[in-house]
Amino acid sequence: TIYTDASKTQTGAGAAASTTNLEKLVKLPEHCSIFTGEIIAIKQTLQISEILPENQIMIVSDLLSASKALKQLYPKNPILREIRECFKALESMNKKIYLLWVPSHIGIQKCRPSCKKGYK
């Protein structure tokens, strides 16, 4: 299981992807939206998935619009297109990726990424 999160404040923005023993933080430009941060975090999870030994990986996101956007067959957003390519690459490695939307990461606070660290 890999958890994603994005955060934005007046001082910056960040995205994070984390497992129980690995965390990847990304500092984002201040103008980035939460949506952009979340899909960047999802892209990070797919990159992490390439090196994990598991063949079935659950991505937990708390942003419904990002989860819905990933279902687009022909996305206009270049990051979403990159994500689709990552999905194809993982599929060719016989990896199955599942996406779970959990509003506000309810019930999983212990594993929630520290994306605020990403922009400090």
N, C-alpha and C. Protein backbone atom coordinates (compact mmCIF):
# COMPACT_ATOMS: atom_id res chain seq x y z
N THR A 1 0.84 -1.18 0.00
CA THR A 1 0.00 0.00 0.00
C THR A 1 0.88 1.24 0.00
N ILE A 2 0.53 2.18 -0.87
CA ILE A 2 1.24 3.45 -0.95
C ILE A 2 0.21 4.56 -0.78
N TYR A 3 0.51 5.49 0.12
CA TYR A 3 -0.39 6.60 0.41
C TYR A 3 0.11 7.85 -0.29
N THR A 4 -0.84 8.66 -0.79
CA THR A 4 -0.48 9.92 -1.44
C THR A 4 -1.11 11.07 -0.69
N ASP A 5 -0.50 12.23 -0.83
CA ASP A 5 -1.10 13.44 -0.27
C ASP A 5 -0.45 14.65 -0.92
N ALA A 6 -1.18 15.73 -0.94
CA ALA A 6 -0.67 17.01 -1.44
C ALA A 6 -1.13 18.09 -0.49
N SER A 7 -0.35 19.14 -0.40
CA SER A 7 -0.68 20.23 0.50
C SER A 7 -0.25 21.55 -0.13
N LYS A 8 -0.99 22.60 0.20
CA LYS A 8 -0.67 23.92 -0.32
C LYS A 8 -0.96 24.95 0.77
N THR A 9 -0.01 25.86 0.96
CA THR A 9 -0.21 26.96 1.88
C THR A 9 0.27 28.24 1.19
N GLN A 10 0.26 29.33 1.92
CA GLN A 10 0.74 30.59 1.36
C GLN A 10 2.24 30.56 1.11
N THR A 11 2.95 29.66 1.78
CA THR A 11 4.41 29.63 1.65
C THR A 11 4.92 28.56 0.69
N GLY A 12 4.04 27.72 0.17
CA GLY A 12 4.51 26.71 -0.76
C GLY A 12 3.55 25.56 -0.93
N ALA A 13 3.97 24.60 -1.73
CA ALA A 13 3.15 23.42 -2.00
C ALA A 13 4.06 22.20 -2.02
N GLY A 14 3.47 21.05 -1.70
CA GLY A 14 4.25 19.83 -1.69
C GLY A 14 3.38 18.63 -2.00
N ALA A 15 4.02 17.57 -2.45
CA ALA A 15 3.35 16.31 -2.72
C ALA A 15 4.18 15.20 -2.09
N ALA A 16 3.50 14.15 -1.67
CA ALA A 16 4.21 13.05 -1.02
C ALA A 16 3.57 11.72 -1.38
N ALA A 17 4.42 10.71 -1.41
CA ALA A 17 4.00 9.32 -1.57
C ALA A 17 4.76 8.53 -0.52
N SER A 18 4.05 7.67 0.21
CA SER A 18 4.77 6.93 1.25
C SER A 18 4.23 5.52 1.44
N THR A 19 5.14 4.64 1.81
CA THR A 19 4.82 3.29 2.26
C THR A 19 5.21 3.26 3.73
N THR A 20 5.13 2.09 4.34
CA THR A 20 5.50 2.01 5.75
C THR A 20 6.98 2.30 5.98
N ASN A 21 7.84 2.09 4.98
CA ASN A 21 9.27 2.33 5.19
C ASN A 21 9.94 3.18 4.11
N LEU A 22 9.14 3.90 3.32
CA LEU A 22 9.71 4.75 2.28
C LEU A 22 8.80 5.96 2.08
N GLU A 23 9.41 7.13 1.99
CA GLU A 23 8.63 8.34 1.74
C GLU A 23 9.34 9.19 0.70
N LYS A 24 8.59 9.62 -0.30
CA LYS A 24 9.14 10.47 -1.36
C LYS A 24 8.39 11.80 -1.32
N LEU A 25 9.14 12.87 -1.07
CA LEU A 25 8.56 14.21 -0.97
C LEU A 25 8.98 15.04 -2.17
N VAL A 26 8.06 15.85 -2.68
CA VAL A 26 8.35 16.70 -3.83
C VAL A 26 7.91 18.12 -3.51
N LYS A 27 8.84 19.06 -3.63
CA LYS A 27 8.51 20.47 -3.49
C LYS A 27 7.94 20.93 -4.82
N LEU A 28 6.81 21.62 -4.77
CA LEU A 28 6.13 22.07 -5.98
C LEU A 28 6.13 23.59 -6.06
N PRO A 29 5.99 24.13 -7.26
CA PRO A 29 5.87 25.58 -7.38
C PRO A 29 4.65 26.09 -6.61
N GLU A 30 4.74 27.28 -6.08
CA GLU A 30 3.66 27.84 -5.26
C GLU A 30 2.33 27.90 -5.99
N HIS A 31 2.36 28.03 -7.31
CA HIS A 31 1.12 28.17 -8.07
C HIS A 31 0.40 26.83 -8.31
N CYS A 32 1.01 25.73 -7.94
CA CYS A 32 0.39 24.41 -8.16
C CYS A 32 -0.89 24.28 -7.35
N SER A 33 -1.86 23.62 -7.94
CA SER A 33 -3.11 23.34 -7.24
C SER A 33 -2.97 22.04 -6.44
N ILE A 34 -3.91 21.81 -5.54
CA ILE A 34 -3.95 20.55 -4.80
C ILE A 34 -4.12 19.39 -5.79
N PHE A 35 -4.95 19.58 -6.80
CA PHE A 35 -5.15 18.54 -7.81
C PHE A 35 -3.83 18.16 -8.47
N THR A 36 -3.08 19.16 -8.93
CA THR A 36 -1.79 18.89 -9.57
C THR A 36 -0.84 18.19 -8.59
N GLY A 37 -0.82 18.66 -7.35
CA GLY A 37 0.01 18.01 -6.34
C GLY A 37 -0.35 16.55 -6.14
N GLU A 38 -1.64 16.28 -6.10
CA GLU A 38 -2.09 14.90 -5.87
C GLU A 38 -1.74 14.00 -7.05
N ILE A 39 -1.91 14.48 -8.28
CA ILE A 39 -1.56 13.60 -9.41
C ILE A 39 -0.05 13.43 -9.53
N ILE A 40 0.71 14.43 -9.11
CA ILE A 40 2.17 14.26 -9.06
C ILE A 40 2.52 13.20 -8.02
N ALA A 41 1.84 13.23 -6.87
CA ALA A 41 2.07 12.22 -5.84
C ALA A 41 1.71 10.83 -6.36
N ILE A 42 0.61 10.73 -7.11
CA ILE A 42 0.22 9.44 -7.68
C ILE A 42 1.29 8.96 -8.67
N LYS A 43 1.80 9.87 -9.46
CA LYS A 43 2.88 9.49 -10.39
C LYS A 43 4.10 8.97 -9.61
N GLN A 44 4.40 9.62 -8.48
CA GLN A 44 5.51 9.15 -7.64
C GLN A 44 5.25 7.73 -7.14
N THR A 45 4.00 7.43 -6.78
CA THR A 45 3.69 6.08 -6.29
C THR A 45 3.94 5.04 -7.37
N LEU A 46 3.63 5.41 -8.60
CA LEU A 46 3.85 4.46 -9.70
C LEU A 46 5.33 4.21 -9.92
N GLN A 47 6.13 5.25 -9.75
CA GLN A 47 7.58 5.08 -9.86
C GLN A 47 8.12 4.22 -8.72
N ILE A 48 7.59 4.42 -7.52
CA ILE A 48 7.97 3.58 -6.38
C ILE A 48 7.56 2.13 -6.65
N SER A 49 6.38 1.94 -7.25
CA SER A 49 5.86 0.60 -7.52
C SER A 49 6.78 -0.23 -8.40
N GLU A 50 7.52 0.45 -9.27
CA GLU A 50 8.44 -0.27 -10.16
C GLU A 50 9.51 -1.04 -9.38
N ILE A 51 9.91 -0.52 -8.22
CA ILE A 51 10.99 -1.17 -7.47
C ILE A 51 10.49 -2.07 -6.35
N LEU A 52 9.19 -2.03 -6.08
CA LEU A 52 8.64 -2.90 -5.03
C LEU A 52 8.53 -4.33 -5.53
N PRO A 53 8.77 -5.30 -4.65
CA PRO A 53 8.68 -6.70 -5.09
C PRO A 53 7.23 -7.17 -5.30
N GLU A 54 6.27 -6.50 -4.68
CA GLU A 54 4.87 -6.91 -4.79
C GLU A 54 4.35 -6.72 -6.22
N ASN A 55 3.45 -7.62 -6.61
CA ASN A 55 2.81 -7.50 -7.92
C ASN A 55 1.44 -6.85 -7.84
N GLN A 56 0.90 -6.72 -6.64
CA GLN A 56 -0.38 -6.05 -6.44
C GLN A 56 -0.15 -4.89 -5.49
N ILE A 57 -0.47 -3.69 -5.95
CA ILE A 57 -0.18 -2.49 -5.16
C ILE A 57 -1.42 -1.62 -5.07
N MET A 58 -1.74 -1.22 -3.85
CA MET A 58 -2.87 -0.34 -3.59
C MET A 58 -2.36 1.08 -3.40
N ILE A 59 -2.91 2.02 -4.16
CA ILE A 59 -2.60 3.43 -3.99
C ILE A 59 -3.79 4.07 -3.29
N VAL A 60 -3.54 4.73 -2.17
CA VAL A 60 -4.60 5.36 -1.39
C VAL A 60 -4.48 6.87 -1.55
N SER A 61 -5.53 7.46 -2.12
CA SER A 61 -5.57 8.91 -2.37
C SER A 61 -6.78 9.50 -1.66
N ASP A 62 -6.67 10.75 -1.23
CA ASP A 62 -7.81 11.38 -0.58
C ASP A 62 -8.47 12.45 -1.45
N LEU A 63 -8.11 12.53 -2.72
CA LEU A 63 -8.68 13.54 -3.60
C LEU A 63 -9.50 12.86 -4.69
N LEU A 64 -10.82 12.96 -4.57
CA LEU A 64 -11.72 12.28 -5.49
C LEU A 64 -11.52 12.75 -6.93
N SER A 65 -11.30 14.04 -7.14
CA SER A 65 -11.15 14.54 -8.52
C SER A 65 -9.93 13.92 -9.20
N ALA A 66 -8.88 13.67 -8.46
CA ALA A 66 -7.69 13.01 -9.04
C ALA A 66 -8.02 11.57 -9.41
N SER A 67 -8.73 10.89 -8.54
CA SER A 67 -9.12 9.51 -8.81
C SER A 67 -9.99 9.43 -10.06
N LYS A 68 -10.93 10.36 -10.19
CA LYS A 68 -11.81 10.38 -11.37
C LYS A 68 -11.02 10.73 -12.63
N ALA A 69 -10.10 11.67 -12.53
CA ALA A 69 -9.32 12.10 -13.70
C ALA A 69 -8.50 10.95 -14.27
N LEU A 70 -8.06 10.03 -13.42
CA LEU A 70 -7.26 8.90 -13.89
C LEU A 70 -8.05 7.94 -14.78
N LYS A 71 -9.37 8.06 -14.75
CA LYS A 71 -10.21 7.18 -15.57
C LYS A 71 -10.37 7.70 -17.00
N GLN A 72 -9.91 8.92 -17.27
CA GLN A 72 -10.04 9.48 -18.62
C GLN A 72 -9.20 8.67 -19.60
N LEU A 73 -9.80 8.33 -20.74
CA LEU A 73 -9.06 7.58 -21.75
C LEU A 73 -8.04 8.43 -22.47
N TYR A 74 -8.38 9.68 -22.74
CA TYR A 74 -7.48 10.58 -23.47
C TYR A 74 -7.35 11.90 -22.71
N PRO A 75 -6.60 11.89 -21.62
CA PRO A 75 -6.49 13.11 -20.81
C PRO A 75 -5.71 14.21 -21.52
N LYS A 76 -6.13 15.44 -21.30
CA LYS A 76 -5.41 16.59 -21.86
C LYS A 76 -4.23 16.97 -20.98
N ASN A 77 -4.35 16.71 -19.70
CA ASN A 77 -3.29 17.06 -18.75
C ASN A 77 -2.06 16.18 -19.02
N PRO A 78 -0.90 16.80 -19.24
CA PRO A 78 0.31 16.01 -19.55
C PRO A 78 0.73 15.07 -18.42
N ILE A 79 0.49 15.46 -17.18
CA ILE A 79 0.86 14.58 -16.06
C ILE A 79 -0.02 13.33 -16.08
N LEU A 80 -1.31 13.51 -16.38
CA LEU A 80 -2.20 12.36 -16.47
C LEU A 80 -1.78 11.43 -17.61
N ARG A 81 -1.32 12.00 -18.71
CA ARG A 81 -0.83 11.16 -19.82
C ARG A 81 0.41 10.37 -19.38
N GLU A 82 1.30 11.02 -18.62
CA GLU A 82 2.49 10.32 -18.10
C GLU A 82 2.08 9.19 -17.16
N ILE A 83 1.06 9.44 -16.35
CA ILE A 83 0.56 8.41 -15.43
C ILE A 83 0.03 7.22 -16.22
N ARG A 84 -0.70 7.48 -17.29
CA ARG A 84 -1.21 6.38 -18.12
C ARG A 84 -0.06 5.54 -18.68
N GLU A 85 1.02 6.20 -19.08
CA GLU A 85 2.19 5.48 -19.58
C GLU A 85 2.83 4.64 -18.47
N CYS A 86 2.87 5.19 -17.26
CA CYS A 86 3.40 4.43 -16.11
C CYS A 86 2.55 3.19 -15.85
N PHE A 87 1.21 3.34 -15.92
CA PHE A 87 0.33 2.20 -15.74
C PHE A 87 0.64 1.11 -16.77
N LYS A 88 0.84 1.52 -18.02
CA LYS A 88 1.16 0.55 -19.08
C LYS A 88 2.48 -0.16 -18.80
N ALA A 89 3.48 0.60 -18.37
CA ALA A 89 4.79 0.01 -18.06
C ALA A 89 4.67 -1.00 -16.92
N LEU A 90 3.92 -0.65 -15.89
CA LEU A 90 3.74 -1.56 -14.76
C LEU A 90 2.96 -2.80 -15.18
N GLU A 91 1.98 -2.60 -16.03
CA GLU A 91 1.21 -3.74 -16.54
C GLU A 91 2.12 -4.71 -17.30
N SER A 92 3.06 -4.17 -18.06
CA SER A 92 3.99 -5.03 -18.80
C SER A 92 4.93 -5.79 -17.85
N MET A 93 5.05 -5.29 -16.61
CA MET A 93 5.86 -5.97 -15.59
C MET A 93 5.00 -6.92 -14.76
N ASN A 94 3.76 -7.15 -15.21
CA ASN A 94 2.79 -8.00 -14.51
C ASN A 94 2.42 -7.47 -13.13
N LYS A 95 2.39 -6.15 -13.00
CA LYS A 95 1.98 -5.54 -11.73
C LYS A 95 0.57 -5.01 -11.88
N LYS A 96 -0.24 -5.25 -10.88
CA LYS A 96 -1.63 -4.81 -10.86
C LYS A 96 -1.74 -3.66 -9.86
N ILE A 97 -2.24 -2.53 -10.33
CA ILE A 97 -2.35 -1.34 -9.50
C ILE A 97 -3.82 -1.07 -9.21
N TYR A 98 -4.14 -0.86 -7.94
CA TYR A 98 -5.49 -0.52 -7.51
C TYR A 98 -5.46 0.87 -6.91
N LEU A 99 -6.49 1.64 -7.17
CA LEU A 99 -6.59 2.99 -6.61
C LEU A 99 -7.78 3.04 -5.68
N LEU A 100 -7.53 3.44 -4.45
CA LEU A 100 -8.58 3.54 -3.44
C LEU A 100 -8.70 4.99 -3.00
N TRP A 101 -9.91 5.53 -3.06
CA TRP A 101 -10.16 6.87 -2.57
C TRP A 101 -10.66 6.78 -1.14
N VAL A 102 -9.97 7.45 -0.23
CA VAL A 102 -10.37 7.50 1.17
C VAL A 102 -10.47 8.97 1.56
N PRO A 103 -11.68 9.49 1.73
CA PRO A 103 -11.83 10.91 2.06
C PRO A 103 -11.01 11.30 3.29
N SER A 104 -10.16 12.29 3.12
CA SER A 104 -9.32 12.82 4.21
C SER A 104 -8.46 11.75 4.89
N HIS A 105 -8.21 10.65 4.20
CA HIS A 105 -7.42 9.54 4.76
C HIS A 105 -8.01 9.07 6.09
N ILE A 106 -9.33 9.06 6.21
CA ILE A 106 -10.01 8.68 7.44
C ILE A 106 -9.57 7.27 7.86
N GLY A 107 -9.15 7.16 9.10
CA GLY A 107 -8.78 5.87 9.66
C GLY A 107 -7.35 5.42 9.37
N ILE A 108 -6.58 6.22 8.64
CA ILE A 108 -5.21 5.81 8.32
C ILE A 108 -4.22 6.92 8.62
N GLN A 109 -4.50 7.72 9.59
CA GLN A 109 -3.64 8.86 9.94
C GLN A 109 -2.20 8.43 10.21
N LYS A 110 -2.02 7.26 10.78
CA LYS A 110 -0.69 6.76 11.12
C LYS A 110 0.23 6.70 9.89
N CYS A 111 -0.32 6.36 8.74
CA CYS A 111 0.48 6.18 7.54
C CYS A 111 0.41 7.36 6.58
N ARG A 112 -0.27 8.42 6.96
CA ARG A 112 -0.43 9.55 6.06
C ARG A 112 0.90 10.24 5.79
N PRO A 113 1.20 10.52 4.54
CA PRO A 113 2.47 11.17 4.21
C PRO A 113 2.59 12.57 4.78
N SER A 114 3.81 13.02 4.93
CA SER A 114 4.08 14.36 5.47
C SER A 114 4.41 15.30 4.33
N CYS A 115 3.44 15.60 3.49
CA CYS A 115 3.73 16.41 2.31
C CYS A 115 4.13 17.83 2.68
N LYS A 116 3.75 18.29 3.86
CA LYS A 116 4.14 19.64 4.26
C LYS A 116 5.65 19.77 4.38
N LYS A 117 6.33 18.66 4.67
CA LYS A 117 7.80 18.68 4.71
C LYS A 117 8.37 18.97 3.33
N GLY A 118 7.62 18.60 2.30
CA GLY A 118 8.10 18.70 0.94
C GLY A 118 8.34 20.12 0.46
N TYR A 119 7.70 21.08 1.08
CA TYR A 119 7.90 22.45 0.60
C TYR A 119 8.63 23.32 1.60
N LYS A 120 9.15 22.75 2.65
CA LYS A 120 9.90 23.55 3.64
C LYS A 120 11.37 23.54 3.33
